C-alpha cells in the first residue's frame, strides 16, 4: 500500500481520521494493541523518507502509552510537512 502520492487535502483528511481512531482507546483500552503498530505503519506509508520513519516511531510510542492519545500526531506531521507551502500561499 502506497499512500505517499495522495493529494495534500486527502492526506489531511486521512490523518484527521487516524487521529480520531486514536481516541477509540479511551472507550476500548485494548484497541491500542492493534492501533499502535497500525498507526506507525500508516504514518510510514503516508510520509516517505527519514521524516516518515521518525514520525512512525513517535506515533507508535504516543499510541502505545496510556493517556497521551490526545496528541494529534498525524495532523502535526501534516502541518510540519506542508508548512512552507502554507506560509508561502498566505504571504502572497
Protein backbone atom coordinates (compact mmCIF):
# COMPACT_ATOMS: atom_id res chain seq x y z
CA UNK A 1 0.00 0.00 0.00
CA UNK A 2 1.46 3.34 -1.06
CA UNK A 3 -0.20 6.38 0.48
CA UNK A 4 2.52 8.86 -0.47
CA UNK A 5 1.02 10.02 -3.81
CA UNK A 6 -2.23 11.18 -2.16
CA UNK A 7 -3.13 14.84 -2.59
CA UNK A 8 -2.37 17.18 0.25
CA UNK A 9 -6.01 17.60 1.23
CA UNK A 10 -6.59 13.84 1.15
CA UNK A 11 -3.59 13.32 3.42
CA UNK A 12 -5.04 15.83 5.87
CA UNK A 13 -8.45 14.15 5.91
CA UNK A 14 -6.90 10.69 6.25
CA UNK A 15 -4.62 11.96 9.03
CA UNK A 16 -7.52 13.50 10.93
CA UNK A 17 -9.38 10.21 10.64
CA UNK A 18 -6.34 8.38 12.02
CA UNK A 19 -6.09 10.85 14.89
CA UNK A 20 -9.76 10.21 15.68
CA UNK A 21 -9.11 6.47 15.65
CA UNK A 22 -6.63 7.02 18.46
CA UNK A 23 -9.47 8.20 20.69
CA UNK A 24 -11.19 4.82 20.45
CA UNK A 25 -8.78 3.52 23.07
CA UNK A 26 -10.45 5.71 25.70
CA UNK A 27 -13.55 3.54 25.28
CA UNK A 28 -11.79 0.24 24.43
CA UNK A 29 -8.30 0.30 26.03
CA UNK A 30 -7.21 -2.92 24.33
CA UNK A 31 -7.62 -1.22 20.95
CA UNK A 32 -4.14 0.28 21.46
CA UNK A 33 -2.56 -3.14 20.95
CA UNK A 34 -3.88 -3.11 17.39
CA UNK A 35 -3.83 0.61 16.67
CA UNK A 36 -0.29 1.49 17.82
CA UNK A 37 1.56 -0.66 15.25
CA UNK A 38 -1.05 0.01 12.57
CA UNK A 39 -0.79 3.77 13.01
CA UNK A 40 3.00 3.58 12.84
CA UNK A 41 2.74 1.61 9.59
CA UNK A 42 0.28 4.10 8.12
CA UNK A 43 2.44 7.06 9.11
CA UNK A 44 5.49 5.49 7.45
CA UNK A 45 3.48 4.88 4.28
CA UNK A 46 1.91 8.34 4.29
CA UNK A 47 5.20 10.26 4.60
CA UNK A 48 8.31 8.92 2.91
CA UNK A 49 11.91 9.08 3.96
CA UNK A 50 13.57 9.74 7.26
CA UNK A 51 10.82 12.10 8.44
CA UNK A 52 8.16 9.44 7.91
CA UNK A 53 10.16 6.85 9.82
CA UNK A 54 10.77 9.20 12.74
CA UNK A 55 7.09 10.17 12.79
CA UNK A 56 6.15 6.47 12.72
CA UNK A 57 8.23 5.81 15.84
CA UNK A 58 6.73 8.84 17.57
CA UNK A 59 3.15 7.86 16.72
CA UNK A 60 3.79 4.29 17.88
CA UNK A 61 5.07 5.48 21.26
CA UNK A 62 2.27 8.02 21.57
CA UNK A 63 -0.43 5.47 20.82
CA UNK A 64 1.11 2.70 22.94
CA UNK A 65 1.42 4.80 26.10
CA UNK A 66 -1.80 5.34 28.02
CA UNK A 67 -3.48 8.74 28.32
CA UNK A 68 -1.39 10.63 25.73
CA UNK A 69 -3.56 9.56 22.82
CA UNK A 70 -4.97 13.08 22.66
CA UNK A 71 -1.96 14.39 20.72
CA UNK A 72 -2.98 14.75 17.05
CA UNK A 73 0.25 13.31 15.66
CA UNK A 74 -0.96 12.86 12.09
CA UNK A 75 -2.21 16.45 11.90
CA UNK A 76 1.03 17.76 13.39
CA UNK A 77 3.04 15.82 10.82
CA UNK A 78 0.88 17.18 8.02
CA UNK A 79 1.46 20.77 9.18
CA UNK A 80 5.19 20.06 9.59
CA UNK A 81 5.39 18.64 6.07
CA UNK A 82 3.44 21.40 4.32
CA UNK A 83 4.35 24.44 6.48
CA UNK A 84 6.49 26.07 3.77
CA UNK A 85 3.71 25.75 1.21
CA UNK A 86 1.13 27.12 3.64
CA UNK A 87 3.18 30.17 4.61
CA UNK A 88 4.12 31.00 1.00
CA UNK A 89 0.48 30.84 -0.05
CA UNK A 90 -0.61 33.16 2.78
CA UNK A 91 2.15 35.71 2.17
CA UNK A 92 1.23 36.32 -1.48
